[in-house]
Protein backbone atom coordinates (compact mmCIF):
# COMPACT_ATOMS: atom_id res chain seq x y z
CA UNK A 1 -12.75 39.61 25.54
CA UNK A 2 -10.29 36.67 25.02
CA UNK A 3 -12.92 34.60 26.62
CA UNK A 4 -15.57 35.89 23.90
CA UNK A 5 -13.29 35.51 20.64
CA UNK A 6 -12.45 31.79 22.03
CA UNK A 7 -16.14 31.09 22.50
CA UNK A 8 -17.00 32.22 18.55
CA UNK A 9 -13.66 30.51 17.22
CA UNK A 10 -15.16 27.47 19.23
CA UNK A 11 -18.42 27.83 17.42
CA UNK A 12 -17.19 27.91 13.87
CA UNK A 13 -14.77 25.08 14.35
CA UNK A 14 -18.07 22.74 15.42
CA UNK A 15 -19.81 24.38 12.43
CA UNK A 16 -16.73 23.61 9.62
CA UNK A 17 -16.06 20.08 11.25
CA UNK A 18 -20.08 19.08 10.48
CA UNK A 19 -19.50 20.64 7.22
CA UNK A 20 -16.17 18.73 6.34
CA UNK A 21 -18.37 15.73 7.84
CA UNK A 22 -21.43 16.10 5.73
CA UNK A 23 -19.16 16.60 2.57
CA UNK A 24 -17.36 13.41 3.29
CA UNK A 25 -20.44 10.49 3.72
CA UNK A 26 -22.10 9.35 1.41
CA UNK A 27 -25.79 9.86 2.13
CA UNK A 28 -26.81 12.24 5.27
CA UNK A 29 -29.78 10.97 7.32
CA UNK A 30 -31.31 14.13 9.37
CA UNK A 31 -33.36 12.97 12.41
CA UNK A 32 -36.03 15.66 13.12
CA UNK A 33 -39.05 15.42 15.59
CA UNK A 34 -42.00 13.83 14.77
CA UNK A 35 -44.20 16.50 16.54
CA UNK A 36 -41.95 19.12 15.67
CA UNK A 37 -40.44 18.55 12.25
CA UNK A 38 -40.10 22.12 10.78
CA UNK A 39 -38.47 23.26 14.32
CA UNK A 40 -35.90 20.62 14.36
CA UNK A 41 -34.58 21.18 11.32
CA UNK A 42 -31.08 21.67 10.30
CA UNK A 43 -31.76 24.22 7.43
CA UNK A 44 -27.55 25.15 6.73
CA UNK A 45 -26.88 21.01 6.67
CA UNK A 46 -29.52 20.28 4.25
CA UNK A 47 -28.04 22.87 2.40
CA UNK A 48 -24.72 21.42 2.74
CA UNK A 49 -26.20 17.95 2.05
CA UNK A 50 -28.00 18.92 -1.40
CA UNK A 51 -31.56 17.30 -1.75
CA UNK A 52 -30.34 13.68 -3.79
CA UNK A 53 -27.99 12.33 -0.30
CA UNK A 54 -30.20 13.72 2.39
CA UNK A 55 -33.05 11.35 3.88
CA UNK A 56 -35.07 12.74 5.98
CA UNK A 57 -36.18 10.33 9.40
CA UNK A 58 -38.80 11.59 11.72
CA UNK A 59 -38.76 9.83 15.28
CA UNK A 60 -40.74 9.83 18.24
CA UNK A 61 -43.88 8.68 16.20
CA UNK A 62 -44.89 7.32 19.06
CA UNK A 63 -45.43 10.57 20.98
CA UNK A 64 -47.62 11.89 18.76
CA UNK A 65 -51.13 12.63 20.16
CA UNK A 66 -54.13 10.48 18.59
CA UNK A 67 -55.75 13.98 16.92
CA UNK A 68 -52.13 14.87 15.55
CA UNK A 69 -51.31 15.58 12.09
CA UNK A 70 -49.07 13.61 10.43
CA UNK A 71 -46.37 15.64 8.99
CA UNK A 72 -45.30 15.83 5.41
CA UNK A 73 -41.76 14.77 5.01
CA UNK A 74 -39.65 16.05 1.40
CA UNK A 75 -37.85 13.79 -0.84
CA UNK A 76 -39.50 10.65 0.50
CA UNK A 77 -38.96 10.81 4.26
CA UNK A 78 -39.29 7.82 6.19
CA UNK A 79 -41.61 8.82 10.01
CA UNK A 80 -40.71 5.87 12.93
CA UNK A 81 -40.63 5.45 16.02
CA UNK A 82 -37.36 4.11 16.80
CA UNK A 83 -37.96 2.34 20.43
CA UNK A 84 -40.17 0.15 18.77
CA UNK A 85 -37.35 -1.70 17.28
CA UNK A 86 -39.36 -2.80 14.17
CA UNK A 87 -37.34 -5.20 12.02
CA UNK A 88 -39.72 -4.07 8.95
CA UNK A 89 -39.02 -0.19 9.69
CA UNK A 90 -35.30 -1.28 10.62
CA UNK A 91 -35.23 -2.16 6.68
CA UNK A 92 -37.17 0.54 5.67
CA UNK A 93 -34.74 3.03 6.80
CA UNK A 94 -31.88 0.75 5.35
CA UNK A 95 -33.50 0.76 1.86
CA UNK A 96 -34.04 4.04 1.91
CA UNK A 97 -30.31 4.89 2.88
CA UNK A 98 -28.82 3.09 0.23
CA UNK A 99 -30.85 4.41 -2.32
CA UNK A 100 -29.89 7.97 -2.01
CA UNK A 101 -26.56 6.62 -3.37
CA UNK A 102 -25.11 4.24 -6.33
CA UNK A 103 -21.78 3.88 -4.33
CA UNK A 104 -20.77 0.64 -2.98
CA UNK A 105 -20.57 0.87 0.52
CA UNK A 106 -22.57 3.41 1.69
CA UNK A 107 -21.15 5.89 4.48
CA UNK A 108 -23.86 7.66 6.05
CA UNK A 109 -23.96 10.59 8.92
CA UNK A 110 -26.63 10.83 11.22
CA UNK A 111 -27.12 14.36 12.73
CA UNK A 112 -29.79 16.39 14.36
CA UNK A 113 -31.05 18.40 17.54
CA UNK A 114 -29.61 16.53 20.65
CA UNK A 115 -32.08 14.30 22.15
CA UNK A 116 -34.10 13.32 19.13
CA UNK A 117 -32.92 9.77 19.15
CA UNK A 118 -30.52 9.44 16.52
CA UNK A 119 -28.16 6.97 19.11
CA UNK A 120 -31.39 4.98 19.49
CA UNK A 121 -31.78 4.81 15.57
CA UNK A 122 -27.96 3.41 15.66
CA UNK A 123 -29.14 0.83 17.77
CA UNK A 124 -32.25 -0.01 16.44
CA UNK A 125 -30.42 -0.66 12.73
CA UNK A 126 -27.46 -2.14 14.27
CA UNK A 127 -29.61 -4.86 16.49
CA UNK A 128 -27.29 -4.02 19.42
CA UNK A 129 -26.36 -1.52 21.83
CA UNK A 130 -23.69 0.29 19.32
CA UNK A 131 -24.57 3.66 20.87
CA UNK A 132 -25.10 5.24 24.17
CA UNK A 133 -28.74 6.30 24.65
CA UNK A 134 -29.53 8.70 27.39
CA UNK A 135 -32.24 11.29 28.00
CA UNK A 136 -29.73 13.46 28.80
CA UNK A 137 -28.92 16.16 25.60
CA UNK A 138 -25.39 16.18 24.31
CA UNK A 139 -24.87 12.66 25.69
CA UNK A 140 -22.87 11.53 22.20
CA UNK A 141 -19.11 13.33 22.36
CA UNK A 142 -17.47 11.61 19.78
CA UNK A 143 -17.63 10.79 16.34
CA UNK A 144 -18.47 6.65 16.16
CA UNK A 145 -18.70 4.74 12.90
CA UNK A 146 -21.24 1.66 13.28
CA UNK A 147 -21.46 -0.92 10.87
CA UNK A 148 -25.18 -1.96 9.58
CA UNK A 149 -24.40 -4.69 7.09
CA UNK A 150 -21.34 -5.50 4.84
CA UNK A 151 -22.37 -2.27 2.42
CA UNK A 152 -23.86 0.39 4.98
CA UNK A 153 -21.52 2.03 7.68
CA UNK A 154 -23.27 4.77 10.13
CA UNK A 155 -21.55 7.42 12.12
CA UNK A 156 -23.68 9.07 15.11
CA UNK A 157 -22.69 12.80 15.10
CA UNK A 158 -23.45 14.78 18.40
CA UNK A 159 -26.44 16.79 18.75
CA UNK A 160 -26.06 20.43 17.22
CA UNK A 161 -28.68 23.05 16.99
CA UNK A 162 -28.37 26.99 15.24
CA UNK A 163 -27.22 29.62 17.07
CA UNK A 164 -30.12 31.52 17.30
CA UNK A 165 -32.51 29.49 19.20
CA UNK A 166 -33.67 30.60 22.07
CA UNK A 167 -32.68 28.99 25.47
CA UNK A 168 -36.38 28.67 26.11
CA UNK A 169 -37.08 27.12 22.75
CA UNK A 170 -33.93 24.95 23.21
CA UNK A 171 -35.24 23.32 26.93
CA UNK A 172 -38.51 22.92 25.41
CA UNK A 173 -37.06 20.76 22.99
CA UNK A 174 -35.31 18.76 24.74
CA UNK A 175 -32.16 20.04 23.34
CA UNK A 176 -30.63 21.52 26.46
CA UNK A 177 -31.20 19.81 29.64
CA UNK A 178 -33.35 21.61 32.82
CA UNK A 179 -31.16 24.75 33.92
CA UNK A 180 -30.79 25.86 37.01
CA UNK A 181 -33.62 28.51 36.50
CA UNK A 182 -35.92 25.37 35.07
CA UNK A 183 -38.67 27.39 37.39
CA UNK A 184 -38.72 30.43 34.98
CA UNK A 185 -39.00 28.03 31.97
CA UNK A 186 -41.90 25.99 33.62
CA UNK A 187 -44.02 28.87 34.25
CA UNK A 188 -43.97 29.75 30.34
CA UNK A 189 -44.32 25.96 29.68
CA UNK A 190 -47.38 25.80 31.94
CA UNK A 191 -48.81 28.81 30.14
CA UNK A 192 -48.93 26.86 27.35
CA UNK A 193 -50.76 23.61 29.12
CA UNK A 194 -53.37 25.61 29.97
CA UNK A 195 -54.04 26.99 26.61
CA UNK A 196 -53.62 23.70 24.81
CA UNK A 197 -56.21 20.99 25.30
CA UNK A 198 -54.82 18.43 24.38
CA UNK A 199 -51.50 19.03 26.15
CA UNK A 200 -53.26 19.47 29.45
CA UNK A 201 -54.87 16.51 28.86
CA UNK A 202 -51.54 14.56 28.59
CA UNK A 203 -50.11 16.01 31.14
CA UNK A 204 -53.21 15.59 33.35
CA UNK A 205 -53.20 11.87 32.53
CA UNK A 206 -48.92 11.58 33.43
CA UNK A 207 -49.12 13.08 36.68
CA UNK A 208 -52.58 11.84 37.61
CA UNK A 209 -54.69 15.36 38.22
CA UNK A 210 -57.32 17.56 37.38
CA UNK A 211 -56.65 21.10 35.97
CA UNK A 212 -59.94 22.46 35.39
CA UNK A 213 -59.50 24.96 38.53
CA UNK A 214 -56.13 26.08 37.30
CA UNK A 215 -56.37 29.34 35.15
CA UNK A 216 -52.36 30.77 35.95
CA UNK A 217 -49.01 28.94 35.76
CA UNK A 218 -48.32 28.76 39.20
CA UNK A 219 -51.98 26.80 40.07
CA UNK A 220 -50.47 24.91 37.48
CA UNK A 221 -46.96 23.72 39.68
CA UNK A 222 -49.19 23.90 42.70
CA UNK A 223 -50.77 20.86 41.83
CA UNK A 224 -48.21 19.25 40.75
CA UNK A 225 -46.29 19.50 43.56
CA UNK A 226 -49.05 18.57 46.08
CA UNK A 227 -49.98 15.36 43.93
CA UNK A 228 -46.37 13.92 44.07
CA UNK A 229 -45.92 15.07 47.91
CA UNK A 230 -43.58 17.82 47.13
CA UNK A 231 -43.71 19.95 50.55
CA UNK A 232 -41.66 22.20 51.92
CA UNK A 233 -41.45 22.76 55.44
CA UNK A 234 -44.77 23.94 57.11
CA UNK A 235 -46.73 22.06 53.99
CA UNK A 236 -45.95 24.79 51.13
CA UNK A 237 -46.21 22.96 47.60
CA UNK A 238 -42.39 23.09 46.51
CA UNK A 239 -42.31 24.93 43.35
CA UNK A 240 -38.95 24.34 42.32
CA UNK A 241 -39.25 20.71 42.43
CA UNK A 242 -42.37 21.06 40.37
CA UNK A 243 -41.10 22.99 38.11
CA UNK A 244 -37.69 20.87 37.09
CA UNK A 245 -40.56 17.69 36.66
CA UNK A 246 -42.78 19.44 34.30
CA UNK A 247 -39.55 20.70 32.46
CA UNK A 248 -38.61 17.07 32.20
CA UNK A 249 -42.28 15.77 31.17
CA UNK A 250 -42.52 17.75 28.03
CA UNK A 251 -39.73 15.71 26.47
CA UNK A 252 -41.98 13.27 25.88
CA UNK A 253 -45.24 15.14 25.40
CA UNK A 254 -47.18 14.35 22.50
CA UNK A 255 -47.50 17.99 21.31
CA UNK A 256 -45.08 20.91 21.69
């Protein structure tokens, strides 16, 4: 019982600390996934920020499929690919942040789900590796302030997500690292792949495979394992290794 109480207290402190950070900042930049805007938003943080101080930045535009519908962002939000490190996009973000307040200098905080690219955006804006970047969810542990211009300082806040999210959804979004039970998640993801033509084509191209004869999840994993040469003793496909690979690959998929 004591462990549960401590866990609950830690969860409450996490949100209380975020609320204080938001109230102390001049501008709040909410980073979402351009492929899945609505399901990577943080409604409670948006409420605390208020529409006037909030700038939504949809990152990972480069991972959107050619047929994907361009998301419509509220309050003149911006859709980008931070990996491109484009100077024009860099200044577009800076100007948008500065336009959210008349105060100078400006202190802005970036927040969002783990692995949506907050640190990559910081580095693009700073023109240097000011924040640690990694495909591993939860890389940013501590608050750090980075000077972007003489009038703008940004903080890269650690990844955060609503407590109601299921583990499977968090793994699918890349907000949690592939767990020990990745195989269980991969079977469900494989079902989505078979039901989604554009996602199926992306997986086929990524692994250089043909899924035309695959009708169930296990067959998808078998094809992936055989193509990569992941075999067990006796030549049976290593489905566990294929499952871990599939979970990792879907973090970069054009359609979630």
